[in-house]
PDB file of N, CA and C in Angstrom:
ATOM      1  N   MET A   1       0.851  -1.180   0.000  1.00  0.00           N
ATOM      2  CA  MET A   1       0.000   0.000   0.000  1.00  0.00           C
ATOM      3  C   MET A   1       0.899   1.247   0.000  1.00  0.00           C
ATOM      4  N   THR A   2       0.553   2.178  -0.841  1.00  0.00           N
ATOM      5  CA  THR A   2       1.326   3.419  -0.904  1.00  0.00           C
ATOM      6  C   THR A   2       0.810   4.404   0.132  1.00  0.00           C
ATOM      7  N   MET A   3       1.594   5.441   0.403  1.00  0.00           N
ATOM      8  CA  MET A   3       1.173   6.489   1.337  1.00  0.00           C
ATOM      9  C   MET A   3      -0.095   7.159   0.824  1.00  0.00           C
ATOM     10  N   ALA A   4      -0.195   7.376  -0.474  1.00  0.00           N
ATOM     11  CA  ALA A   4      -1.388   8.005  -1.051  1.00  0.00           C
ATOM     12  C   ALA A   4      -2.625   7.158  -0.776  1.00  0.00           C
ATOM     13  N   ASP A   5      -2.480   5.831  -0.893  1.00  0.00           N
ATOM     14  CA  ASP A   5      -3.609   4.933  -0.592  1.00  0.00           C
ATOM     15  C   ASP A   5      -3.971   5.009   0.886  1.00  0.00           C
ATOM     16  N   ALA A   6      -2.955   5.041   1.736  1.00  0.00           N
ATOM     17  CA  ALA A   6      -3.206   5.106   3.180  1.00  0.00           C
ATOM     18  C   ALA A   6      -3.939   6.397   3.541  1.00  0.00           C
ATOM     19  N   LEU A   7      -3.566   7.484   2.899  1.00  0.00           N
ATOM     20  CA  LEU A   7      -4.211   8.764   3.196  1.00  0.00           C
ATOM     21  C   LEU A   7      -5.667   8.812   2.735  1.00  0.00           C
ATOM     22  N   LYS A   8      -6.018   7.992   1.763  1.00  0.00           N
ATOM     23  CA  LYS A   8      -7.400   7.957   1.255  1.00  0.00           C
ATOM     24  C   LYS A   8      -8.315   7.114   2.146  1.00  0.00           C
ATOM     25  N   MET A   9      -7.726   6.267   2.976  1.00  0.00           N
ATOM     26  CA  MET A   9      -8.528   5.387   3.835  1.00  0.00           C
ATOM     27  C   MET A   9      -9.242   6.192   4.908  1.00  0.00           C
ATOM     28  N   GLU A  10     -10.444   5.759   5.219  1.00  0.00           N
ATOM     29  CA  GLU A  10     -11.183   6.411   6.304  1.00  0.00           C
ATOM     30  C   GLU A  10     -10.639   5.932   7.637  1.00  0.00           C
ATOM     31  N   SER A  11     -10.650   6.819   8.597  1.00  0.00           N
ATOM     32  CA  SER A  11     -10.188   6.479   9.935  1.00  0.00           C
ATOM     33  C   SER A  11     -11.189   5.542  10.601  1.00  0.00           C
ATOM     34  N   PRO A  12     -10.696   4.523  11.308  1.00  0.00           N
ATOM     35  CA  PRO A  12     -11.617   3.645  12.044  1.00  0.00           C
ATOM     36  C   PRO A  12     -12.125   4.297  13.329  1.00  0.00           C
ATOM     37  N   TRP A  13     -11.519   5.412  13.725  1.00  0.00           N
ATOM     38  CA  TRP A  13     -11.826   6.045  14.995  1.00  0.00           C
ATOM     39  C   TRP A  13     -13.063   6.935  14.906  1.00  0.00           C
ATOM     40  N   THR A  14     -13.792   7.000  16.027  1.00  0.00           N
ATOM     41  CA  THR A  14     -14.844   7.993  16.186  1.00  0.00           C
ATOM     42  C   THR A  14     -14.155   9.343  16.394  1.00  0.00           C
ATOM     43  N   PRO A  15     -14.885  10.469  16.329  1.00  0.00           N
ATOM     44  CA  PRO A  15     -14.231  11.761  16.579  1.00  0.00           C
ATOM     45  C   PRO A  15     -13.530  11.834  17.942  1.00  0.00           C
ATOM     46  N   ALA A  16     -14.144  11.263  18.978  1.00  0.00           N
ATOM     47  CA  ALA A  16     -13.513  11.296  20.306  1.00  0.00           C
ATOM     48  C   ALA A  16     -12.238  10.458  20.326  1.00  0.00           C
ATOM     49  N   HIS A  17     -12.292   9.271  19.745  1.00  0.00           N
ATOM     50  CA  HIS A  17     -11.100   8.423  19.706  1.00  0.00           C
ATOM     51  C   HIS A  17     -10.008   9.048  18.841  1.00  0.00           C
ATOM     52  N   GLN A  18     -10.395   9.716  17.757  1.00  0.00           N
ATOM     53  CA  GLN A  18      -9.414  10.401  16.918  1.00  0.00           C
ATOM     54  C   GLN A  18      -8.711  11.502  17.714  1.00  0.00           C
ATOM     55  N   ALA A  19      -9.472  12.243  18.507  1.00  0.00           N
ATOM     56  CA  ALA A  19      -8.878  13.295  19.339  1.00  0.00           C
ATOM     57  C   ALA A  19      -7.890  12.695  20.340  1.00  0.00           C
ATOM     58  N   VAL A  20      -8.250  11.553  20.933  1.00  0.00           N
ATOM     59  CA  VAL A  20      -7.336  10.875  21.863  1.00  0.00           C
ATOM     60  C   VAL A  20      -6.091  10.419  21.123  1.00  0.00           C
ATOM     61  N   GLU A  21      -6.269   9.791  19.977  1.00  0.00           N
ATOM     62  CA  GLU A  21      -5.139   9.276  19.198  1.00  0.00           C
ATOM     63  C   GLU A  21      -4.141  10.379  18.859  1.00  0.00           C
ATOM     64  N   LEU A  22      -4.649  11.578  18.589  1.00  0.00           N
ATOM     65  CA  LEU A  22      -3.794  12.706  18.214  1.00  0.00           C
ATOM     66  C   LEU A  22      -3.415  13.589  19.405  1.00  0.00           C
ATOM     67  N   SER A  23      -3.820  13.178  20.619  1.00  0.00           N
ATOM     68  CA  SER A  23      -3.567  13.951  21.850  1.00  0.00           C
ATOM     69  C   SER A  23      -4.087  15.379  21.745  1.00  0.00           C
ATOM     70  N   GLU A  24      -5.241  15.536  21.126  1.00  0.00           N
ATOM     71  CA  GLU A  24      -5.857  16.851  20.977  1.00  0.00           C
ATOM     72  C   GLU A  24      -6.839  17.070  22.127  1.00  0.00           C
ATOM     73  N   HIS A  25      -6.306  17.593  23.232  1.00  0.00           N
ATOM     74  CA  HIS A  25      -7.080  17.764  24.458  1.00  0.00           C
ATOM     75  C   HIS A  25      -8.283  18.678  24.244  1.00  0.00           C
ATOM     76  N   ALA A  26      -8.084  19.778  23.556  1.00  0.00           N
ATOM     77  CA  ALA A  26      -9.176  20.741  23.339  1.00  0.00           C
ATOM     78  C   ALA A  26     -10.281  20.119  22.487  1.00  0.00           C
ATOM     79  N   THR A  27      -9.898  19.379  21.453  1.00  0.00           N
ATOM     80  CA  THR A  27     -10.903  18.725  20.604  1.00  0.00           C
ATOM     81  C   THR A  27     -11.652  17.672  21.403  1.00  0.00           C
ATOM     82  N   LEU A  28     -10.946  16.882  22.192  1.00  0.00           N
ATOM     83  CA  LEU A  28     -11.597  15.868  23.021  1.00  0.00           C
ATOM     84  C   LEU A  28     -12.605  16.515  23.962  1.00  0.00           C
ATOM     85  N   THR A  29     -12.209  17.586  24.605  1.00  0.00           N
ATOM     86  CA  THR A  29     -13.111  18.286  25.525  1.00  0.00           C
ATOM     87  C   THR A  29     -14.345  18.792  24.794  1.00  0.00           C
ATOM     88  N   ARG A  30     -14.158  19.376  23.617  1.00  0.00           N
ATOM     89  CA  ARG A  30     -15.285  19.899  22.845  1.00  0.00           C
ATOM     90  C   ARG A  30     -16.235  18.772  22.436  1.00  0.00           C
ATOM     91  N   VAL A  31     -15.685  17.669  21.944  1.00  0.00           N
ATOM     92  CA  VAL A  31     -16.509  16.532  21.493  1.00  0.00           C
ATOM     93  C   VAL A  31     -17.301  15.954  22.670  1.00  0.00           C
ATOM     94  N   LEU A  32     -16.661  15.822  23.813  1.00  0.00           N
ATOM     95  CA  LEU A  32     -17.360  15.317  25.000  1.00  0.00           C
ATOM     96  C   LEU A  32     -18.428  16.303  25.466  1.00  0.00           C
ATOM     97  N   ASP A  33     -18.092  17.577  25.425  1.00  0.00           N
ATOM     98  CA  ASP A  33     -19.054  18.595  25.858  1.00  0.00           C
ATOM     99  C   ASP A  33     -20.264  18.651  24.928  1.00  0.00           C
ATOM    100  N   GLU A  34     -20.062  18.274  23.684  1.00  0.00           N
ATOM    101  CA  GLU A  34     -21.164  18.250  22.712  1.00  0.00           C
ATOM    102  C   GLU A  34     -22.004  16.982  22.836  1.00  0.00           C
ATOM    103  N   GLY A  35     -21.621  16.081  23.752  1.00  0.00           N
ATOM    104  CA  GLY A  35     -22.464  14.924  24.026  1.00  0.00           C
ATOM    105  C   GLY A  35     -21.896  13.563  23.708  1.00  0.00           C
ATOM    106  N   ALA A  36     -20.664  13.471  23.244  1.00  0.00           N
ATOM    107  CA  ALA A  36     -20.072  12.151  23.018  1.00  0.00           C
ATOM    108  C   ALA A  36     -20.012  11.404  24.350  1.00  0.00           C
ATOM    109  N   ASP A  37     -20.199  10.105  24.290  1.00  0.00           N
ATOM    110  CA  ASP A  37     -20.193   9.263  25.481  1.00  0.00           C
ATOM    111  C   ASP A  37     -18.753   9.042  25.946  1.00  0.00           C
ATOM    112  N   ALA A  38     -18.446   9.434  27.162  1.00  0.00           N
ATOM    113  CA  ALA A  38     -17.093   9.269  27.708  1.00  0.00           C
ATOM    114  C   ALA A  38     -16.724   7.795  27.861  1.00  0.00           C
ATOM    115  N   ASP A  39     -17.712   6.909  27.824  1.00  0.00           N
ATOM    116  CA  ASP A  39     -17.465   5.472  27.930  1.00  0.00           C
ATOM    117  C   ASP A  39     -17.563   4.760  26.581  1.00  0.00           C
ATOM    118  N   GLU A  40     -17.551   5.511  25.482  1.00  0.00           N
ATOM    119  CA  GLU A  40     -17.700   4.870  24.171  1.00  0.00           C
ATOM    120  C   GLU A  40     -16.571   3.892  23.920  1.00  0.00           C
ATOM    121  N   VAL A  41     -16.905   2.835  23.180  1.00  0.00           N
ATOM    122  CA  VAL A  41     -15.946   1.793  22.828  1.00  0.00           C
ATOM    123  C   VAL A  41     -15.778   1.793  21.314  1.00  0.00           C
ATOM    124  N   CYS A  42     -14.533   1.781  20.895  1.00  0.00           N
ATOM    125  CA  CYS A  42     -14.210   1.730  19.469  1.00  0.00           C
ATOM    126  C   CYS A  42     -12.944   0.899  19.330  1.00  0.00           C
ATOM    127  N   CYS A  43     -12.912   0.020  18.368  1.00  0.00           N
ATOM    128  CA  CYS A  43     -11.725  -0.808  18.120  1.00  0.00           C
ATOM    129  C   CYS A  43     -11.314  -1.572  19.377  1.00  0.00           C
ATOM    130  N   ARG A  44     -12.282  -2.080  20.091  1.00  0.00           N
ATOM    131  CA  ARG A  44     -12.101  -2.918  21.282  1.00  0.00           C
ATOM    132  C   ARG A  44     -11.414  -2.225  22.446  1.00  0.00           C
ATOM    133  N   MET A  45     -11.626  -0.902  22.559  1.00  0.00           N
ATOM    134  CA  MET A  45     -11.126  -0.207  23.741  1.00  0.00           C
ATOM    135  C   MET A  45     -12.001   0.995  24.054  1.00  0.00           C
ATOM    136  N   THR A  46     -12.103   1.281  25.348  1.00  0.00           N
ATOM    137  CA  THR A  46     -12.822   2.472  25.773  1.00  0.00           C
ATOM    138  C   THR A  46     -11.939   3.684  25.492  1.00  0.00           C
ATOM    139  N   LEU A  47     -12.549   4.854  25.545  1.00  0.00           N
ATOM    140  CA  LEU A  47     -11.764   6.080  25.391  1.00  0.00           C
ATOM    141  C   LEU A  47     -10.676   6.165  26.454  1.00  0.00           C
ATOM    142  N   LEU A  48     -11.006   5.749  27.670  1.00  0.00           N
ATOM    143  CA  LEU A  48     -10.020   5.829  28.759  1.00  0.00           C
ATOM    144  C   LEU A  48      -8.857   4.861  28.526  1.00  0.00           C
ATOM    145  N   MET A  49      -9.143   3.663  28.038  1.00  0.00           N
ATOM    146  CA  MET A  49      -8.065   2.730  27.683  1.00  0.00           C
ATOM    147  C   MET A  49      -7.181   3.351  26.603  1.00  0.00           C
ATOM    148  N   HIS A  50      -7.829   3.927  25.607  1.00  0.00           N
ATOM    149  CA  HIS A  50      -7.108   4.543  24.500  1.00  0.00           C
ATOM    150  C   HIS A  50      -6.241   5.696  25.003  1.00  0.00           C
ATOM    151  N   ALA A  51      -6.783   6.501  25.907  1.00  0.00           N
ATOM    152  CA  ALA A  51      -6.032   7.627  26.468  1.00  0.00           C
ATOM    153  C   ALA A  51      -4.783   7.139  27.202  1.00  0.00           C
ATOM    154  N   ILE A  52      -4.936   6.119  28.013  1.00  0.00           N
ATOM    155  CA  ILE A  52      -3.807   5.571  28.772  1.00  0.00           C
ATOM    156  C   ILE A  52      -2.746   5.042  27.817  1.00  0.00           C
ATOM    157  N   ASP A  53      -3.168   4.306  26.810  1.00  0.00           N
ATOM    158  CA  ASP A  53      -2.249   3.766  25.816  1.00  0.00           C
ATOM    159  C   ASP A  53      -1.535   4.895  25.070  1.00  0.00           C
ATOM    160  N   THR A  54      -2.273   5.914  24.669  1.00  0.00           N
ATOM    161  CA  THR A  54      -1.688   7.047  23.942  1.00  0.00           C
ATOM    162  C   THR A  54      -0.693   7.807  24.812  1.00  0.00           C
ATOM    163  N   GLU A  55      -1.066   8.072  26.062  1.00  0.00           N
ATOM    164  CA  GLU A  55      -0.169   8.811  26.960  1.00  0.00           C
ATOM    165  C   GLU A  55       1.156   8.070  27.160  1.00  0.00           C
ATOM    166  N   VAL A  56       1.088   6.755  27.311  1.00  0.00           N
ATOM    167  CA  VAL A  56       2.303   5.953  27.484  1.00  0.00           C
ATOM    168  C   VAL A  56       3.105   5.945  26.185  1.00  0.00           C
ATOM    169  N   ASP A  57       2.433   5.745  25.045  1.00  0.00           N
ATOM    170  CA  ASP A  57       3.133   5.732  23.756  1.00  0.00           C
ATOM    171  C   ASP A  57       3.842   7.059  23.476  1.00  0.00           C
ATOM    172  N   VAL A  58       3.149   8.156  23.708  1.00  0.00           N
ATOM    173  CA  VAL A  58       3.745   9.475  23.456  1.00  0.00           C
ATOM    174  C   VAL A  58       4.988   9.674  24.323  1.00  0.00           C
ATOM    175  N   ALA A  59       4.906   9.309  25.586  1.00  0.00           N
ATOM    176  CA  ALA A  59       6.058   9.453  26.479  1.00  0.00           C
ATOM    177  C   ALA A  59       7.220   8.577  26.019  1.00  0.00           C
ATOM    178  N   ASN A  60       6.909   7.334  25.649  1.00  0.00           N
ATOM    179  CA  ASN A  60       7.960   6.421  25.199  1.00  0.00           C
ATOM    180  C   ASN A  60       8.609   6.899  23.902  1.00  0.00           C
ATOM    181  N   GLN A  61       7.817   7.397  22.973  1.00  0.00           N
ATOM    182  CA  GLN A  61       8.335   7.815  21.674  1.00  0.00           C
ATOM    183  C   GLN A  61       9.074   9.154  21.728  1.00  0.00           C
ATOM    184  N   SER A  62       8.611  10.044  22.611  1.00  0.00           N
ATOM    185  CA  SER A  62       9.204  11.380  22.659  1.00  0.00           C
ATOM    186  C   SER A  62      10.347  11.504  23.665  1.00  0.00           C
ATOM    187  N   GLY A  63      10.363  10.607  24.646  1.00  0.00           N
ATOM    188  CA  GLY A  63      11.341  10.717  25.717  1.00  0.00           C
ATOM    189  C   GLY A  63      10.960  11.751  26.758  1.00  0.00           C
ATOM    190  N   GLU A  64       9.796  12.370  26.575  1.00  0.00           N
ATOM    191  CA  GLU A  64       9.293  13.363  27.524  1.00  0.00           C
ATOM    192  C   GLU A  64       8.628  12.652  28.703  1.00  0.00           C
ATOM    193  N   PRO A  65       8.466  13.334  29.838  1.00  0.00           N
ATOM    194  CA  PRO A  65       7.738  12.736  30.967  1.00  0.00           C
ATOM    195  C   PRO A  65       6.296  12.412  30.568  1.00  0.00           C
ATOM    196  N   ILE A  66       5.757  11.399  31.187  1.00  0.00           N
ATOM    197  CA  ILE A  66       4.384  10.985  30.884  1.00  0.00           C
ATOM    198  C   ILE A  66       3.401  12.079  31.293  1.00  0.00           C
ATOM    199  N   ASP A  67       2.356  12.191  30.538  1.00  0.00           N
ATOM    200  CA  ASP A  67       1.313  13.204  30.718  1.00  0.00           C
ATOM    201  C   ASP A  67       0.009  12.460  30.995  1.00  0.00           C
ATOM    202  N   SER A  68      -0.887  13.041  31.741  1.00  0.00           N
ATOM    203  CA  SER A  68      -2.167  12.377  32.006  1.00  0.00           C
ATOM    204  C   SER A  68      -3.354  13.286  31.710  1.00  0.00           C
ATOM    205  N   ALA A  69      -3.165  14.263  30.843  1.00  0.00           N
ATOM    206  CA  ALA A  69      -4.239  15.217  30.545  1.00  0.00           C
ATOM    207  C   ALA A  69      -5.437  14.550  29.889  1.00  0.00           C
ATOM    208  N   LEU A  70      -5.217  13.611  28.976  1.00  0.00           N
ATOM    209  CA  LEU A  70      -6.345  12.925  28.325  1.00  0.00           C
ATOM    210  C   LEU A  70      -7.154  12.141  29.360  1.00  0.00           C
ATOM    211  N   THR A  71      -6.442  11.442  30.234  1.00  0.00           N
ATOM    212  CA  THR A  71      -7.103  10.680  31.295  1.00  0.00           C
ATOM    213  C   THR A  71      -7.922  11.610  32.187  1.00  0.00           C
ATOM    214  N   ALA A  72      -7.353  12.735  32.559  1.00  0.00           N
ATOM    215  CA  ALA A  72      -8.053  13.683  33.434  1.00  0.00           C
ATOM    216  C   ALA A  72      -9.312  14.231  32.774  1.00  0.00           C
ATOM    217  N   VAL A  73      -9.217  14.574  31.492  1.00  0.00           N
ATOM    218  CA  VAL A  73     -10.393  15.091  30.773  1.00  0.00           C
ATOM    219  C   VAL A  73     -11.500  14.039  30.760  1.00  0.00           C
ATOM    220  N   LEU A  74     -11.146  12.810  30.434  1.00  0.00           N
ATOM    221  CA  LEU A  74     -12.158  11.746  30.362  1.00  0.00           C
ATOM    222  C   LEU A  74     -12.794  11.472  31.718  1.00  0.00           C
ATOM    223  N   LEU A  75     -11.995  11.446  32.770  1.00  0.00           N
ATOM    224  CA  LEU A  75     -12.553  11.234  34.106  1.00  0.00           C
ATOM    225  C   LEU A  75     -13.482  12.386  34.492  1.00  0.00           C
ATOM    226  N   ALA A  76     -13.109  13.601  34.125  1.00  0.00           N
ATOM    227  CA  ALA A  76     -13.958  14.763  34.421  1.00  0.00           C
ATOM    228  C   ALA A  76     -15.302  14.665  33.712  1.00  0.00           C
ATOM    229  N   TYR A  77     -15.334  14.006  32.569  1.00  0.00           N
ATOM    230  CA  TYR A  77     -16.583  13.838  31.819  1.00  0.00           C
ATOM    231  C   TYR A  77     -17.281  12.513  32.138  1.00  0.00           C
ATOM    232  N   GLY A  78     -16.831  11.829  33.184  1.00  0.00           N
ATOM    233  CA  GLY A  78     -17.553  10.671  33.686  1.00  0.00           C
ATOM    234  C   GLY A  78     -17.119   9.317  33.177  1.00  0.00           C
ATOM    235  N   ALA A  79     -15.968   9.213  32.542  1.00  0.00           N
ATOM    236  CA  ALA A  79     -15.493   7.909  32.074  1.00  0.00           C
ATOM    237  C   ALA A  79     -15.317   6.969  33.263  1.00  0.00           C
ATOM    238  N   ASP A  80     -15.730   5.726  33.083  1.00  0.00           N
ATOM    239  CA  ASP A  80     -15.674   4.713  34.135  1.00  0.00           C
ATOM    240  C   ASP A  80     -14.381   3.901  34.004  1.00  0.00           C
ATOM    241  N   PRO A  81     -13.451   4.030  34.947  1.00  0.00           N
ATOM    242  CA  PRO A  81     -12.194   3.290  34.842  1.00  0.00           C
ATOM    243  C   PRO A  81     -12.347   1.790  35.035  1.00  0.00           C
ATOM    244  N   HIS A  82     -13.514   1.352  35.480  1.00  0.00           N
ATOM    245  CA  HIS A  82     -13.745  -0.071  35.729  1.00  0.00           C
ATOM    246  C   HIS A  82     -14.639  -0.719  34.678  1.00  0.00           C
ATOM    247  N   LEU A  83     -14.954  -0.004  33.609  1.00  0.00           N
ATOM    248  CA  LEU A  83     -15.738  -0.558  32.511  1.00  0.00           C
ATOM    249  C   LEU A  83     -14.862  -1.545  31.746  1.00  0.00           C
ATOM    250  N   ALA A  84     -15.311  -2.791  31.663  1.00  0.00           N
ATOM    251  CA  ALA A  84     -14.495  -3.841  31.038  1.00  0.00           C
ATOM    252  C   ALA A  84     -14.848  -4.030  29.567  1.00  0.00           C
ATOM    253  N   VAL A  85     -13.811  -4.214  28.778  1.00  0.00           N
ATOM    254  CA  VAL A  85     -13.924  -4.602  27.376  1.00  0.00           C
ATOM    255  C   VAL A  85     -12.999  -5.796  27.208  1.00  0.00           C
ATOM    256  N   ASN A  86     -13.545  -6.900  26.733  1.00  0.00           N
ATOM    257  CA  ASN A  86     -12.763  -8.140  26.595  1.00  0.00           C
ATOM    258  C   ASN A  86     -12.098  -8.531  27.914  1.00  0.00           C
ATOM    259  N   GLY A  87     -12.782  -8.282  29.029  1.00  0.00           N
ATOM    260  CA  GLY A  87     -12.283  -8.688  30.334  1.00  0.00           C
ATOM    261  C   GLY A  87     -11.235  -7.783  30.947  1.00  0.00           C
ATOM    262  N   GLU A  88     -10.918  -6.655  30.290  1.00  0.00           N
ATOM    263  CA  GLU A  88      -9.931  -5.726  30.833  1.00  0.00           C
ATOM    264  C   GLU A  88     -10.545  -4.351  31.003  1.00  0.00           C
ATOM    265  N   THR A  89     -10.024  -3.619  31.971  1.00  0.00           N
ATOM    266  CA  THR A  89     -10.492  -2.262  32.235  1.00  0.00           C
ATOM    267  C   THR A  89      -9.351  -1.270  32.001  1.00  0.00           C
ATOM    268  N   ALA A  90      -9.699   0.004  31.963  1.00  0.00           N
ATOM    269  CA  ALA A  90      -8.669   1.043  31.845  1.00  0.00           C
ATOM    270  C   ALA A  90      -7.715   0.960  33.032  1.00  0.00           C
ATOM    271  N   TYR A  91      -8.268   0.647  34.185  1.00  0.00           N
ATOM    272  CA  TYR A  91      -7.438   0.487  35.387  1.00  0.00           C
ATOM    273  C   TYR A  91      -6.402  -0.615  35.168  1.00  0.00           C
ATOM    274  N   ASP A  92      -6.842  -1.747  34.564  1.00  0.00           N
ATOM    275  CA  ASP A  92      -5.919  -2.847  34.258  1.00  0.00           C
ATOM    276  C   ASP A  92      -4.822  -2.386  33.294  1.00  0.00           C
ATOM    277  N   TRP A  93      -5.220  -1.626  32.276  1.00  0.00           N
ATOM    278  CA  TRP A  93      -4.251  -1.146  31.286  1.00  0.00           C
ATOM    279  C   TRP A  93      -3.227  -0.228  31.947  1.00  0.00           C
ATOM    280  N   ALA A  94      -3.686   0.644  32.816  1.00  0.00           N
ATOM    281  CA  ALA A  94      -2.766   1.569  33.489  1.00  0.00           C
ATOM    282  C   ALA A  94      -1.753   0.796  34.337  1.00  0.00           C
ATOM    283  N   ARG A  95      -2.222  -0.240  35.023  1.00  0.00           N
ATOM    284  CA  ARG A  95      -1.301  -1.068  35.818  1.00  0.00           C
ATOM    285  C   ARG A  95      -0.296  -1.769  34.916  1.00  0.00           C
ATOM    286  N   LYS A  96      -0.809  -2.404  33.843  1.00  0.00           N
ATOM    287  CA  LYS A  96       0.043  -3.163  32.929  1.00  0.00           C
ATOM    288  C   LYS A  96       1.097  -2.271  32.264  1.00  0.00           C
ATOM    289  N   LEU A  97       0.709  -1.036  31.921  1.00  0.00           N
ATOM    290  CA  LEU A  97       1.619  -0.112  31.237  1.00  0.00           C
ATOM    291  C   LEU A  97       2.410   0.779  32.199  1.00  0.00           C
ATOM    292  N   HIS A  98       2.230   0.557  33.506  1.00  0.00           N
ATOM    293  CA  HIS A  98       2.948   1.313  34.552  1.00  0.00           C
ATOM    294  C   HIS A  98       2.676   2.818  34.456  1.00  0.00           C
ATOM    295  N   HIS A  99       1.422   3.158  34.189  1.00  0.00           N
ATOM    296  CA  HIS A  99       1.023   4.576  34.111  1.00  0.00           C
ATOM    297  C   HIS A  99       0.499   4.977  35.492  1.00  0.00           C
ATOM    298  N   ASP A 100       1.432   5.207  36.411  1.00  0.00           N
ATOM    299  CA  ASP A 100       1.101   5.469  37.812  1.00  0.00           C
ATOM    300  C   ASP A 100       0.278   6.740  38.000  1.00  0.00           C
ATOM    301  N   MET A 101       0.543   7.746  37.183  1.00  0.00           N
ATOM    302  CA  MET A 101      -0.212   8.995  37.291  1.00  0.00           C
ATOM    303  C   MET A 101      -1.694   8.751  36.972  1.00  0.00           C
ATOM    304  N   ALA A 102      -1.968   7.948  35.955  1.00  0.00           N
ATOM    305  CA  ALA A 102      -3.359   7.615  35.612  1.00  0.00           C
ATOM    306  C   ALA A 102      -4.011   6.817  36.734  1.00  0.00           C
ATOM    307  N   ILE A 103      -3.253   5.914  37.335  1.00  0.00           N
ATOM    308  CA  ILE A 103      -3.792   5.124  38.455  1.00  0.00           C
ATOM    309  C   ILE A 103      -4.182   6.051  39.605  1.00  0.00           C
ATOM    310  N   ARG A 104      -3.311   7.012  39.939  1.00  0.00           N
ATOM    311  CA  ARG A 104      -3.633   7.951  41.021  1.00  0.00           C
ATOM    312  C   ARG A 104      -4.865   8.788  40.670  1.00  0.00           C
ATOM    313  N   LEU A 105      -4.961   9.223  39.424  1.00  0.00           N
ATOM    314  CA  LEU A 105      -6.142   9.984  39.002  1.00  0.00           C
ATOM    315  C   LEU A 105      -7.416   9.145  39.134  1.00  0.00           C
ATOM    316  N   MET A 106      -7.354   7.899  38.670  1.00  0.00           N
ATOM    317  CA  MET A 106      -8.536   7.036  38.752  1.00  0.00           C
ATOM    318  C   MET A 106      -8.892   6.733  40.201  1.00  0.00           C
ATOM    319  N   ASP A 107      -7.885   6.541  41.059  1.00  0.00           N
ATOM    320  CA  ASP A 107      -8.152   6.327  42.482  1.00  0.00           C
ATOM    321  C   ASP A 107      -8.817   7.554  43.089  1.00  0.00           C
ATOM    322  N   GLY A 108      -8.328   8.732  42.753  1.00  0.00           N
ATOM    323  CA  GLY A 108      -8.931   9.972  43.242  1.00  0.00           C
ATOM    324  C   GLY A 108     -10.340  10.152  42.728  1.00  0.00           C
ATOM    325  N   PHE A 109     -10.567   9.802  41.480  1.00  0.00           N
ATOM    326  CA  PHE A 109     -11.891   9.872  40.886  1.00  0.00           C
ATOM    327  C   PHE A 109     -12.849   8.961  41.636  1.00  0.00           C
ATOM    328  N   ASN A 110     -12.429   7.732  41.908  1.00  0.00           N
ATOM    329  CA  ASN A 110     -13.291   6.781  42.618  1.00  0.00           C
ATOM    330  C   ASN A 110     -13.632   7.283  44.014  1.00  0.00           C
ATOM    331  N   THR A 111     -12.654   7.838  44.704  1.00  0.00           N
ATOM    332  CA  THR A 111     -12.891   8.378  46.042  1.00  0.00           C
ATOM    333  C   THR A 111     -13.866   9.545  45.982  1.00  0.00           C
ATOM    334  N   HIS A 112     -13.664  10.435  45.024  1.00  0.00           N
ATOM    335  CA  HIS A 112     -14.533  11.606  44.872  1.00  0.00           C
ATOM    336  C   HIS A 112     -15.959  11.183  44.529  1.00  0.00           C
ATOM    337  N   GLN A 113     -16.115  10.214  43.618  1.00  0.00           N
ATOM    338  CA  GLN A 113     -17.451   9.744  43.236  1.00  0.00           C
ATOM    339  C   GLN A 113     -18.165   9.132  44.443  1.00  0.00           C
ATOM    340  N   THR A 114     -17.439   8.356  45.252  1.00  0.00           N
ATOM    341  CA  THR A 114     -18.029   7.733  46.436  1.00  0.00           C
ATOM    342  C   THR A 114     -18.488   8.804  47.422  1.00  0.00           C
ATOM    343  N   GLN A 115     -17.675   9.836  47.605  1.00  0.00           N
ATOM    344  CA  GLN A 115     -18.045  10.928  48.511  1.00  0.00           C
ATOM    345  C   GLN A 115     -19.280  11.667  48.004  1.00  0.00           C
ATOM    346  N   LEU A 116     -19.364  11.909  46.699  1.00  0.00           N
ATOM    347  CA  LEU A 116     -20.535  12.582  46.133  1.00  0.00           C
ATOM    348  C   LEU A 116     -21.800  11.741  46.309  1.00  0.00           C
ATOM    349  N   LYS A 117     -21.683  10.440  46.056  1.00  0.00           N
ATOM    350  CA  LYS A 117     -22.841   9.553  46.214  1.00  0.00           C
ATOM    351  C   LYS A 117     -23.328   9.571  47.651  1.00  0.00           C
ATOM    352  N   ALA A 118     -22.394   9.547  48.599  1.00  0.00           N
ATOM    353  CA  ALA A 118     -22.769   9.570  50.013  1.00  0.00           C
ATOM    354  C   ALA A 118     -23.448  10.889  50.373  1.00  0.00           C
ATOM    355  N   ARG A 119     -22.984  11.966  49.773  1.00  0.00           N
ATOM    356  CA  ARG A 119     -23.538  13.278  50.113  1.00  0.00           C
ATOM    357  C   ARG A 119     -24.863  13.570  49.414  1.00  0.00           C
ATOM    358  N   PHE A 120     -24.966  13.217  48.141  1.00  0.00           N
ATOM    359  CA  PHE A 120     -26.139  13.592  47.356  1.00  0.00           C
ATOM    360  C   PHE A 120     -27.019  12.421  46.933  1.00  0.00           C
ATOM    361  N   GLY A 121     -26.616  11.213  47.253  1.00  0.00           N
ATOM    362  CA  GLY A 121     -27.439  10.058  46.931  1.00  0.00           C
ATOM    363  C   GLY A 121     -27.166   9.468  45.562  1.00  0.00           C
ATOM    364  N   ARG A 122     -26.679  10.253  44.637  1.00  0.00           N
ATOM    365  CA  ARG A 122     -26.323   9.745  43.310  1.00  0.00           C
ATOM    366  C   ARG A 122     -25.424  10.766  42.635  1.00  0.00           C
ATOM    367  N   VAL A 123     -24.799  10.352  41.580  1.00  0.00           N
ATOM    368  CA  VAL A 123     -23.948  11.237  40.807  1.00  0.00           C
ATOM    369  C   VAL A 123     -24.550  11.343  39.421  1.00  0.00           C
ATOM    370  N   ARG A 124     -24.729  12.552  38.950  1.00  0.00           N
ATOM    371  CA  ARG A 124     -25.287  12.761  37.617  1.00  0.00           C
ATOM    372  C   ARG A 124     -24.223  12.507  36.572  1.00  0.00           C
ATOM    373  N   ARG A 125     -24.548  11.686  35.611  1.00  0.00           N
ATOM    374  CA  ARG A 125     -23.654  11.424  34.490  1.00  0.00           C
ATOM    375  C   ARG A 125     -24.361  11.800  33.216  1.00  0.00           C
ATOM    376  N   ARG A 126     -23.604  12.259  32.268  1.00  0.00           N
ATOM    377  CA  ARG A 126     -24.157  12.623  30.956  1.00  0.00           C
ATOM    378  C   ARG A 126     -24.572  11.408  30.205  1.00  0.00           C
TER     379      ARG A 126
END
């Protein structure tokens, strides 16, 4: 396949997954704010799994410190770190890929959600 052929192919990603793949934080936020499901599954992974994978890949390829902005945006929009696809969760992926910052964010998210449920009886999700 030539590069020209590859460029003509349609992306398998949804707009939200494409934003994650390209680490476009602002686009991801806009797409989620417009109503995209933070728990959407595409290509056998949730957005949060994809974010964790992308954050680790970018750090490994660039040599820069790992970033967790995609993970934080998704958690802020209600992504469930324990949603399983093929028996694995984003939490599992973060452990497997040693993305400790994402693990701490997900732990904080879980604690915060539990506190909100205790205080208000439920947590509103989009």
